Each structure stands twice: as structure tokens, then as C-alpha cells.
Amino acid sequence: MESMSLRSYPTSNERLAAMIAHGGALFAWTLAPLVVYLVKRGESKYVEFHALQSLLWSLVGTIVSIVTCGLAIPVFMVWHVIAAVHSSDTNRPEYEYPWVGAIARGLVYDDTAV
């Protein structure tokens, strides 16, 4: 599978899948990114990366929301919207969530990771 560093731009189908992973989290918090990740894993590193970071962001959001009695949910949802917009627009740079983006990038693009 070829790395994003070898290609200039993701295909429109890859962008759509990434947008579904990010935007779908608004309706199916962890389920949407998980389904996209499982379906596209091994097929597109771009989609795999975006779905995994969306899933990780949702999981972190769940933990923080439990601690804050749900007050953090809107904040985490805004980040999902920002990521979905970035994924849908070819003129925007690739989006990476704070904290979990680097973890997802390492897991997807680092071939030495287990």
C-alpha cells in the first residue's frame, strides 16, 4: 500500500470516506469512525488514518465527558465538524486532531509499529 507521502492528493472517494468518519461521529459517536476504519483498513492509509484519529478523538471525548458530566461533548463535536470540513475540501491541508492525530499517524504510517 502506498503512503500519502508518495501521492499528492487523496481520491474523491477517500475524501468522502474520511468525511464520513469525522462527520458521522456527530450521529454515531464511535460507531461511524469504527465502521469506516474496519471497512477501509488496508485499502487506503489516508482513510485509515482519518478514521482512526476520529475514533481515538471520540474515545478521549467520552472519557473527558464522563469526568465533566457531559459538558465537554459540544467541544469534542466541534472538532469533528472541523475535521469533516477539512476532509471534504481539496484546498485545505490534511487535518490532524490534537494529541491523538500523532498517535494515529504513527500507527497507520509507521510500518515498524506493531
C-alpha atoms as a PDB file:
ATOM      1  CA  MET A   1       0.000   0.000   0.000  1.00  0.00           C
ATOM      2  CA  GLU A   2       1.394   3.376  -0.898  1.00  0.00           C
ATOM      3  CA  SER A   3       1.911   6.094   1.687  1.00  0.00           C
ATOM      4  CA  MET A   4       0.337   9.540   1.410  1.00  0.00           C
ATOM      5  CA  SER A   5       3.855  10.963   1.122  1.00  0.00           C
ATOM      6  CA  LEU A   6       4.111   9.201  -2.273  1.00  0.00           C
ATOM      7  CA  ARG A   7       0.838  10.665  -3.566  1.00  0.00           C
ATOM      8  CA  SER A   8      -0.133  14.302  -3.831  1.00  0.00           C
ATOM      9  CA  TYR A   9      -3.851  14.108  -3.173  1.00  0.00           C
ATOM     10  CA  PRO A  10      -6.384  11.588  -1.905  1.00  0.00           C
ATOM     11  CA  THR A  11      -9.096  10.498  -4.316  1.00  0.00           C
ATOM     12  CA  SER A  12     -12.618  11.881  -4.013  1.00  0.00           C
ATOM     13  CA  ASN A  13     -13.768   8.508  -2.605  1.00  0.00           C
ATOM     14  CA  GLU A  14     -11.039   8.632   0.038  1.00  0.00           C
ATOM     15  CA  ARG A  15     -12.031  12.177   0.985  1.00  0.00           C
ATOM     16  CA  LEU A  16     -15.676  11.110   1.223  1.00  0.00           C
ATOM     17  CA  ALA A  17     -14.827   8.153   3.482  1.00  0.00           C
ATOM     18  CA  ALA A  18     -12.703  10.409   5.715  1.00  0.00           C
ATOM     19  CA  MET A  19     -15.519  12.947   5.864  1.00  0.00           C
ATOM     20  CA  ILE A  20     -17.979  10.187   6.848  1.00  0.00           C
ATOM     21  CA  ALA A  21     -15.611   9.040   9.604  1.00  0.00           C
ATOM     22  CA  HIS A  22     -15.348  12.570  11.027  1.00  0.00           C
ATOM     23  CA  GLY A  23     -18.879  13.819  10.389  1.00  0.00           C
ATOM     24  CA  GLY A  24     -20.505  10.503  11.212  1.00  0.00           C
ATOM     25  CA  ALA A  25     -19.197  10.845  14.751  1.00  0.00           C
ATOM     26  CA  LEU A  26     -21.802  13.586  15.243  1.00  0.00           C
ATOM     27  CA  PHE A  27     -24.549  10.980  14.856  1.00  0.00           C
ATOM     28  CA  ALA A  28     -22.866   7.713  15.835  1.00  0.00           C
ATOM     29  CA  TRP A  29     -20.106   8.856  18.184  1.00  0.00           C
ATOM     30  CA  THR A  30     -17.628   5.961  17.986  1.00  0.00           C
ATOM     31  CA  LEU A  31     -19.545   3.674  15.655  1.00  0.00           C
ATOM     32  CA  ALA A  32     -19.151   5.718  12.435  1.00  0.00           C
ATOM     33  CA  PRO A  33     -15.349   6.061  12.583  1.00  0.00           C
ATOM     34  CA  LEU A  34     -15.019   2.441  13.724  1.00  0.00           C
ATOM     35  CA  VAL A  35     -17.044   1.134  10.766  1.00  0.00           C
ATOM     36  CA  VAL A  36     -15.085   3.283   8.278  1.00  0.00           C
ATOM     37  CA  TYR A  37     -11.817   2.148   9.847  1.00  0.00           C
ATOM     38  CA  LEU A  38     -12.736  -1.541   9.678  1.00  0.00           C
ATOM     39  CA  VAL A  39     -14.073  -1.328   6.118  1.00  0.00           C
ATOM     40  CA  LYS A  40     -11.192   0.700   4.658  1.00  0.00           C
ATOM     41  CA  ARG A  41      -8.315  -0.674   6.736  1.00  0.00           C
ATOM     42  CA  GLY A  42      -5.597  -1.964   4.453  1.00  0.00           C
ATOM     43  CA  GLU A  43      -7.238  -0.362   1.425  1.00  0.00           C
ATOM     44  CA  SER A  44      -6.370   3.308   1.983  1.00  0.00           C
ATOM     45  CA  LYS A  45      -3.877   4.617   4.520  1.00  0.00           C
ATOM     46  CA  TYR A  46      -5.393   8.091   4.142  1.00  0.00           C
ATOM     47  CA  VAL A  47      -8.854   6.870   5.157  1.00  0.00           C
ATOM     48  CA  GLU A  48      -7.442   4.531   7.780  1.00  0.00           C
ATOM     49  CA  PHE A  49      -5.557   7.439   9.374  1.00  0.00           C
ATOM     50  CA  HIS A  50      -8.584   9.755   9.405  1.00  0.00           C
ATOM     51  CA  ALA A  51     -10.974   7.110  10.698  1.00  0.00           C
ATOM     52  CA  LEU A  52      -8.559   6.013  13.424  1.00  0.00           C
ATOM     53  CA  GLN A  53      -7.899   9.524  14.662  1.00  0.00           C
ATOM     54  CA  SER A  54     -11.636  10.268  14.642  1.00  0.00           C
ATOM     55  CA  LEU A  55     -12.247   7.092  16.643  1.00  0.00           C
ATOM     56  CA  LEU A  56      -9.487   7.954  19.129  1.00  0.00           C
ATOM     57  CA  TRP A  57     -10.827  11.522  19.460  1.00  0.00           C
ATOM     58  CA  SER A  58     -14.304  10.157  20.211  1.00  0.00           C
ATOM     59  CA  LEU A  59     -12.884   7.814  22.848  1.00  0.00           C
ATOM     60  CA  VAL A  60     -10.960  10.652  24.503  1.00  0.00           C
ATOM     61  CA  GLY A  61     -14.128  12.754  24.297  1.00  0.00           C
ATOM     62  CA  THR A  62     -16.075  10.014  26.042  1.00  0.00           C
ATOM     63  CA  ILE A  63     -13.609   9.900  28.928  1.00  0.00           C
ATOM     64  CA  VAL A  64     -13.448  13.693  29.282  1.00  0.00           C
ATOM     65  CA  SER A  65     -17.230  13.948  29.037  1.00  0.00           C
ATOM     66  CA  ILE A  66     -17.671  11.405  31.824  1.00  0.00           C
ATOM     67  CA  VAL A  67     -15.318  13.431  34.023  1.00  0.00           C
ATOM     68  CA  THR A  68     -17.084  16.719  33.160  1.00  0.00           C
ATOM     69  CA  CYS A  69     -20.614  15.266  33.379  1.00  0.00           C
ATOM     70  CA  GLY A  70     -21.176  15.780  29.672  1.00  0.00           C
ATOM     71  CA  LEU A  71     -20.050  19.395  29.466  1.00  0.00           C
ATOM     72  CA  ALA A  72     -17.206  18.555  27.082  1.00  0.00           C
ATOM     73  CA  ILE A  73     -19.381  16.870  24.445  1.00  0.00           C
ATOM     74  CA  PRO A  74     -20.050  20.042  22.381  1.00  0.00           C
ATOM     75  CA  VAL A  75     -16.347  20.884  22.356  1.00  0.00           C
ATOM     76  CA  PHE A  76     -15.395  17.473  21.001  1.00  0.00           C
ATOM     77  CA  MET A  77     -18.201  17.628  18.422  1.00  0.00           C
ATOM     78  CA  VAL A  78     -16.883  20.953  17.097  1.00  0.00           C
ATOM     79  CA  TRP A  79     -13.507  19.293  16.438  1.00  0.00           C
ATOM     80  CA  HIS A  80     -15.292  16.551  14.459  1.00  0.00           C
ATOM     81  CA  VAL A  81     -17.021  19.209  12.335  1.00  0.00           C
ATOM     82  CA  ILE A  82     -13.723  20.991  11.676  1.00  0.00           C
ATOM     83  CA  ALA A  83     -12.105  17.706  10.637  1.00  0.00           C
ATOM     84  CA  ALA A  84     -15.033  16.835   8.339  1.00  0.00           C
ATOM     85  CA  VAL A  85     -14.803  20.230   6.623  1.00  0.00           C
ATOM     86  CA  HIS A  86     -11.053  19.829   6.142  1.00  0.00           C
ATOM     87  CA  SER A  87     -11.557  16.338   4.725  1.00  0.00           C
ATOM     88  CA  SER A  88     -14.141  17.489   2.205  1.00  0.00           C
ATOM     89  CA  ASP A  89     -12.191  20.461   0.837  1.00  0.00           C
ATOM     90  CA  THR A  90      -9.271  19.782  -1.516  1.00  0.00           C
ATOM     91  CA  ASN A  91      -7.883  23.275  -0.861  1.00  0.00           C
ATOM     92  CA  ARG A  92      -7.433  22.667   2.838  1.00  0.00           C
ATOM     93  CA  PRO A  93      -4.434  20.901   4.337  1.00  0.00           C
ATOM     94  CA  GLU A  94      -4.785  17.436   5.831  1.00  0.00           C
ATOM     95  CA  TYR A  95      -6.341  17.728   9.289  1.00  0.00           C
ATOM     96  CA  GLU A  96      -4.902  16.248  12.452  1.00  0.00           C
ATOM     97  CA  TYR A  97      -6.664  16.268  15.832  1.00  0.00           C
ATOM     98  CA  PRO A  98      -4.698  17.493  18.845  1.00  0.00           C
ATOM     99  CA  TRP A  99      -2.920  14.715  20.781  1.00  0.00           C
ATOM    100  CA  VAL A 100      -4.499  11.711  19.048  1.00  0.00           C
ATOM    101  CA  GLY A 101      -3.559  12.723  15.500  1.00  0.00           C
ATOM    102  CA  ALA A 102       0.116  11.974  16.052  1.00  0.00           C
ATOM    103  CA  ILE A 103      -0.743   8.632  17.654  1.00  0.00           C
ATOM    104  CA  ALA A 104      -2.969   7.644  14.714  1.00  0.00           C
ATOM    105  CA  ARG A 105      -0.329   8.796  12.216  1.00  0.00           C
ATOM    106  CA  GLY A 106       2.289   6.661  13.936  1.00  0.00           C
ATOM    107  CA  LEU A 107       0.019   3.611  13.990  1.00  0.00           C
ATOM    108  CA  VAL A 108      -1.030   3.906  10.343  1.00  0.00           C
ATOM    109  CA  TYR A 109       2.041   5.236   8.559  1.00  0.00           C
ATOM    110  CA  ASP A 110       4.838   3.743  10.666  1.00  0.00           C
ATOM    111  CA  ASP A 111       5.411   0.297   9.188  1.00  0.00           C
ATOM    112  CA  THR A 112       7.535  -0.736  12.182  1.00  0.00           C
ATOM    113  CA  ALA A 113       4.660  -0.258  14.652  1.00  0.00           C
ATOM    114  CA  VAL A 114       3.011  -3.443  15.861  1.00  0.00           C
END
